[in-house]
Amino acid sequence: MNDLQIRMTADFSKETSDRRKAFLAPRPSLRQLEIKFGLFEPAKMWITEYNVSKDFYDPTDLSLYLNSISDRSMDIASRTLLQAQITQARNSP
């Protein structure tokens, strides 16, 4: 047979796809804070900080968590940018 590749992808609802998309916005901030992270299906982001893992099912909860730790190493401009990116990701088609 020819070397054909088949890729299987999940067919998510619009709501789930929007949540997954909104989880993409905080990635630069997580990298800046040197926090390990991953996105699981259907729409769950996990982070690991100081060998403690946390799961987030709602991008807003992740944003609130990042705000709570932001005094450690994220300035106000970065936090505002993060919130704007999450809002934009949620509102884009």
N, C-alpha and C. Protein backbone atom coordinates (compact mmCIF):
# COMPACT_ATOMS: atom_id res chain seq x y z
N MET A 1 0.82 -1.19 0.00
CA MET A 1 0.00 0.00 0.00
C MET A 1 0.86 1.25 0.00
N ASN A 2 0.33 2.31 -0.51
CA ASN A 2 1.05 3.58 -0.46
C ASN A 2 1.16 4.04 0.98
N ASP A 3 2.11 4.89 1.24
CA ASP A 3 2.30 5.41 2.60
C ASP A 3 1.31 6.53 2.88
N LEU A 4 0.06 6.17 2.97
CA LEU A 4 -0.99 7.15 3.27
C LEU A 4 -1.13 7.29 4.77
N GLN A 5 -1.35 8.50 5.20
CA GLN A 5 -1.56 8.74 6.62
C GLN A 5 -3.00 9.17 6.84
N ILE A 6 -3.60 8.63 7.87
CA ILE A 6 -4.96 9.00 8.24
C ILE A 6 -4.89 9.67 9.60
N ARG A 7 -5.50 10.82 9.70
CA ARG A 7 -5.53 11.54 10.97
C ARG A 7 -6.96 11.56 11.50
N MET A 8 -7.12 11.09 12.72
CA MET A 8 -8.43 11.09 13.36
C MET A 8 -8.50 12.29 14.29
N THR A 9 -9.54 13.08 14.17
CA THR A 9 -9.73 14.22 15.06
C THR A 9 -11.13 14.18 15.63
N ALA A 10 -11.26 14.73 16.80
CA ALA A 10 -12.56 14.76 17.46
C ALA A 10 -13.42 15.88 16.87
N ASP A 11 -14.71 15.65 16.87
CA ASP A 11 -15.66 16.65 16.39
C ASP A 11 -16.34 17.25 17.62
N PHE A 12 -15.85 18.40 18.06
CA PHE A 12 -16.36 19.03 19.27
C PHE A 12 -17.51 19.97 18.96
N SER A 13 -18.37 20.18 19.96
CA SER A 13 -19.44 21.17 19.81
C SER A 13 -18.81 22.56 19.76
N LYS A 14 -19.57 23.54 19.31
CA LYS A 14 -19.06 24.91 19.23
C LYS A 14 -18.64 25.41 20.60
N GLU A 15 -19.43 25.10 21.62
CA GLU A 15 -19.11 25.54 22.98
C GLU A 15 -17.77 24.96 23.44
N THR A 16 -17.56 23.68 23.20
CA THR A 16 -16.31 23.03 23.59
C THR A 16 -15.15 23.59 22.78
N SER A 17 -15.35 23.79 21.49
CA SER A 17 -14.29 24.37 20.65
C SER A 17 -13.92 25.77 21.11
N ASP A 18 -14.92 26.55 21.48
CA ASP A 18 -14.65 27.91 21.97
C ASP A 18 -13.86 27.89 23.27
N ARG A 19 -14.21 26.97 24.17
CA ARG A 19 -13.45 26.86 25.42
C ARG A 19 -12.02 26.43 25.15
N ARG A 20 -11.82 25.47 24.25
CA ARG A 20 -10.46 25.05 23.90
C ARG A 20 -9.66 26.22 23.33
N LYS A 21 -10.31 27.00 22.47
CA LYS A 21 -9.65 28.15 21.86
C LYS A 21 -9.28 29.18 22.91
N ALA A 22 -10.17 29.41 23.88
CA ALA A 22 -9.90 30.38 24.94
C ALA A 22 -8.73 29.94 25.82
N PHE A 23 -8.51 28.64 25.95
CA PHE A 23 -7.38 28.15 26.73
C PHE A 23 -6.04 28.42 26.04
N LEU A 24 -6.05 28.74 24.77
CA LEU A 24 -4.80 29.00 24.06
C LEU A 24 -4.21 30.36 24.43
N ALA A 25 -5.05 31.32 24.79
CA ALA A 25 -4.60 32.68 25.08
C ALA A 25 -3.58 32.76 26.23
N PRO A 26 -3.76 32.04 27.32
CA PRO A 26 -2.81 32.19 28.43
C PRO A 26 -1.47 31.48 28.25
N ARG A 27 -1.28 30.78 27.16
CA ARG A 27 -0.03 30.02 27.00
C ARG A 27 1.23 30.89 27.11
N PRO A 28 1.29 32.06 26.47
CA PRO A 28 2.51 32.88 26.63
C PRO A 28 2.77 33.28 28.08
N SER A 29 1.72 33.59 28.81
CA SER A 29 1.88 33.96 30.22
C SER A 29 2.37 32.77 31.04
N LEU A 30 1.83 31.60 30.75
CA LEU A 30 2.27 30.40 31.47
C LEU A 30 3.75 30.13 31.19
N ARG A 31 4.15 30.33 29.94
CA ARG A 31 5.57 30.14 29.60
C ARG A 31 6.43 31.16 30.33
N GLN A 32 5.96 32.43 30.37
CA GLN A 32 6.70 33.49 31.05
C GLN A 32 6.87 33.15 32.54
N LEU A 33 5.85 32.57 33.13
CA LEU A 33 5.91 32.19 34.54
C LEU A 33 6.61 30.85 34.76
N GLU A 34 7.03 30.21 33.65
CA GLU A 34 7.70 28.91 33.68
C GLU A 34 6.84 27.85 34.36
N ILE A 35 5.54 27.85 34.01
CA ILE A 35 4.59 26.88 34.52
C ILE A 35 4.33 25.87 33.41
N LYS A 36 4.48 24.59 33.72
CA LYS A 36 4.18 23.54 32.74
C LYS A 36 2.67 23.47 32.56
N PHE A 37 2.24 23.18 31.33
CA PHE A 37 0.80 23.13 31.07
C PHE A 37 0.51 22.19 29.91
N GLY A 38 -0.76 21.82 29.81
CA GLY A 38 -1.20 20.99 28.71
C GLY A 38 -2.71 21.11 28.55
N LEU A 39 -3.18 20.83 27.36
CA LEU A 39 -4.61 20.90 27.06
C LEU A 39 -5.09 19.50 26.72
N PHE A 40 -6.02 19.00 27.50
CA PHE A 40 -6.59 17.68 27.28
C PHE A 40 -7.97 17.81 26.67
N GLU A 41 -8.41 16.73 26.04
CA GLU A 41 -9.74 16.72 25.44
C GLU A 41 -10.76 16.39 26.50
N PRO A 42 -11.96 16.90 26.42
CA PRO A 42 -12.37 17.82 25.37
C PRO A 42 -11.89 19.25 25.61
N ALA A 43 -11.96 19.77 26.84
CA ALA A 43 -11.52 21.14 27.10
C ALA A 43 -11.10 21.26 28.55
N LYS A 44 -9.93 20.71 28.85
CA LYS A 44 -9.40 20.78 30.21
C LYS A 44 -7.93 21.15 30.11
N MET A 45 -7.54 22.19 30.83
CA MET A 45 -6.14 22.55 30.86
C MET A 45 -5.59 22.21 32.24
N TRP A 46 -4.43 21.59 32.24
CA TRP A 46 -3.75 21.32 33.50
C TRP A 46 -2.49 22.15 33.54
N ILE A 47 -2.13 22.55 34.73
CA ILE A 47 -0.86 23.24 34.93
C ILE A 47 -0.13 22.54 36.07
N THR A 48 1.17 22.60 36.04
CA THR A 48 1.99 22.07 37.12
C THR A 48 2.96 23.16 37.54
N GLU A 49 2.84 23.52 38.81
CA GLU A 49 3.68 24.56 39.37
C GLU A 49 4.24 24.05 40.69
N TYR A 50 5.54 24.05 40.82
CA TYR A 50 6.20 23.54 42.02
C TYR A 50 5.76 22.11 42.33
N ASN A 51 5.68 21.28 41.30
CA ASN A 51 5.29 19.87 41.41
C ASN A 51 3.88 19.66 41.93
N VAL A 52 3.04 20.66 41.84
CA VAL A 52 1.62 20.54 42.20
C VAL A 52 0.80 20.79 40.94
N SER A 53 -0.06 19.84 40.60
CA SER A 53 -0.88 19.97 39.40
C SER A 53 -2.27 20.47 39.75
N LYS A 54 -2.82 21.28 38.85
CA LYS A 54 -4.18 21.79 38.98
C LYS A 54 -4.87 21.64 37.63
N ASP A 55 -6.16 21.33 37.66
CA ASP A 55 -6.96 21.20 36.45
C ASP A 55 -7.93 22.36 36.36
N PHE A 56 -8.14 22.85 35.13
CA PHE A 56 -9.09 23.94 34.89
C PHE A 56 -10.00 23.53 33.74
N TYR A 57 -11.29 23.63 33.98
CA TYR A 57 -12.29 23.31 32.96
C TYR A 57 -12.88 24.57 32.35
N ASP A 58 -12.58 25.71 32.94
CA ASP A 58 -13.11 26.99 32.48
C ASP A 58 -11.93 27.96 32.35
N PRO A 59 -11.76 28.59 31.18
CA PRO A 59 -10.65 29.53 30.99
C PRO A 59 -10.68 30.69 31.98
N THR A 60 -11.87 31.09 32.42
CA THR A 60 -11.97 32.18 33.39
C THR A 60 -11.34 31.77 34.72
N ASP A 61 -11.55 30.53 35.13
CA ASP A 61 -10.93 30.05 36.37
C ASP A 61 -9.41 30.08 36.27
N LEU A 62 -8.89 29.71 35.11
CA LEU A 62 -7.44 29.77 34.91
C LEU A 62 -6.96 31.21 34.98
N SER A 63 -7.70 32.12 34.37
CA SER A 63 -7.34 33.54 34.40
C SER A 63 -7.32 34.06 35.84
N LEU A 64 -8.32 33.69 36.62
CA LEU A 64 -8.37 34.11 38.03
C LEU A 64 -7.18 33.55 38.81
N TYR A 65 -6.84 32.31 38.54
CA TYR A 65 -5.69 31.71 39.21
C TYR A 65 -4.40 32.45 38.84
N LEU A 66 -4.24 32.74 37.56
CA LEU A 66 -3.03 33.46 37.13
C LEU A 66 -2.98 34.84 37.75
N ASN A 67 -4.13 35.49 37.89
CA ASN A 67 -4.16 36.79 38.56
C ASN A 67 -3.73 36.66 40.01
N SER A 68 -4.11 35.57 40.66
CA SER A 68 -3.79 35.40 42.07
C SER A 68 -2.29 35.18 42.30
N ILE A 69 -1.61 34.65 41.31
CA ILE A 69 -0.16 34.43 41.46
C ILE A 69 0.65 35.50 40.75
N SER A 70 -0.02 36.45 40.11
CA SER A 70 0.68 37.41 39.26
C SER A 70 1.60 38.33 40.03
N ASP A 71 1.33 38.57 41.30
CA ASP A 71 2.22 39.45 42.04
C ASP A 71 3.62 38.87 42.16
N ARG A 72 3.74 37.59 41.89
CA ARG A 72 5.04 36.94 41.95
C ARG A 72 5.94 37.36 40.80
N SER A 73 5.39 37.38 39.57
CA SER A 73 6.29 37.69 38.46
C SER A 73 5.60 38.24 37.21
N MET A 74 4.32 38.54 37.27
CA MET A 74 3.65 39.07 36.08
C MET A 74 3.21 40.50 36.35
N ASP A 75 3.61 41.42 35.51
CA ASP A 75 3.22 42.81 35.72
C ASP A 75 1.79 43.06 35.26
N ILE A 76 1.27 44.23 35.57
CA ILE A 76 -0.12 44.57 35.26
C ILE A 76 -0.37 44.55 33.75
N ALA A 77 0.58 45.02 32.97
CA ALA A 77 0.39 45.05 31.51
C ALA A 77 0.22 43.63 30.96
N SER A 78 1.02 42.70 31.43
CA SER A 78 0.90 41.31 30.96
C SER A 78 -0.43 40.71 31.39
N ARG A 79 -0.86 41.01 32.61
CA ARG A 79 -2.13 40.47 33.11
C ARG A 79 -3.29 41.02 32.30
N THR A 80 -3.25 42.33 31.98
CA THR A 80 -4.30 42.95 31.18
C THR A 80 -4.31 42.35 29.78
N LEU A 81 -3.14 42.14 29.21
CA LEU A 81 -3.04 41.52 27.90
C LEU A 81 -3.62 40.11 27.92
N LEU A 82 -3.32 39.35 28.95
CA LEU A 82 -3.85 38.00 29.09
C LEU A 82 -5.38 38.02 29.13
N GLN A 83 -5.95 38.90 29.93
CA GLN A 83 -7.40 38.98 30.02
C GLN A 83 -8.01 39.37 28.68
N ALA A 84 -7.39 40.30 27.97
CA ALA A 84 -7.89 40.71 26.66
C ALA A 84 -7.81 39.56 25.66
N GLN A 85 -6.74 38.78 25.70
CA GLN A 85 -6.59 37.64 24.79
C GLN A 85 -7.66 36.59 25.05
N ILE A 86 -7.97 36.32 26.31
CA ILE A 86 -9.00 35.34 26.65
C ILE A 86 -10.36 35.83 26.17
N THR A 87 -10.66 37.11 26.42
CA THR A 87 -11.93 37.68 25.98
C THR A 87 -12.05 37.63 24.47
N GLN A 88 -10.99 38.00 23.76
CA GLN A 88 -11.00 37.99 22.30
C GLN A 88 -11.18 36.56 21.78
N ALA A 89 -10.51 35.60 22.38
CA ALA A 89 -10.63 34.21 21.93
C ALA A 89 -12.05 33.69 22.12
N ARG A 90 -12.68 34.10 23.19
CA ARG A 90 -14.06 33.65 23.44
C ARG A 90 -15.04 34.28 22.46
N ASN A 91 -14.78 35.52 22.04
CA ASN A 91 -15.72 36.25 21.19
C ASN A 91 -15.47 36.07 19.70
N SER A 92 -14.36 35.49 19.33
CA SER A 92 -14.07 35.33 17.90
C SER A 92 -14.82 34.12 17.35
N PRO A 93 -15.23 34.21 16.07
CA PRO A 93 -16.01 33.11 15.47
C PRO A 93 -15.23 31.85 15.23
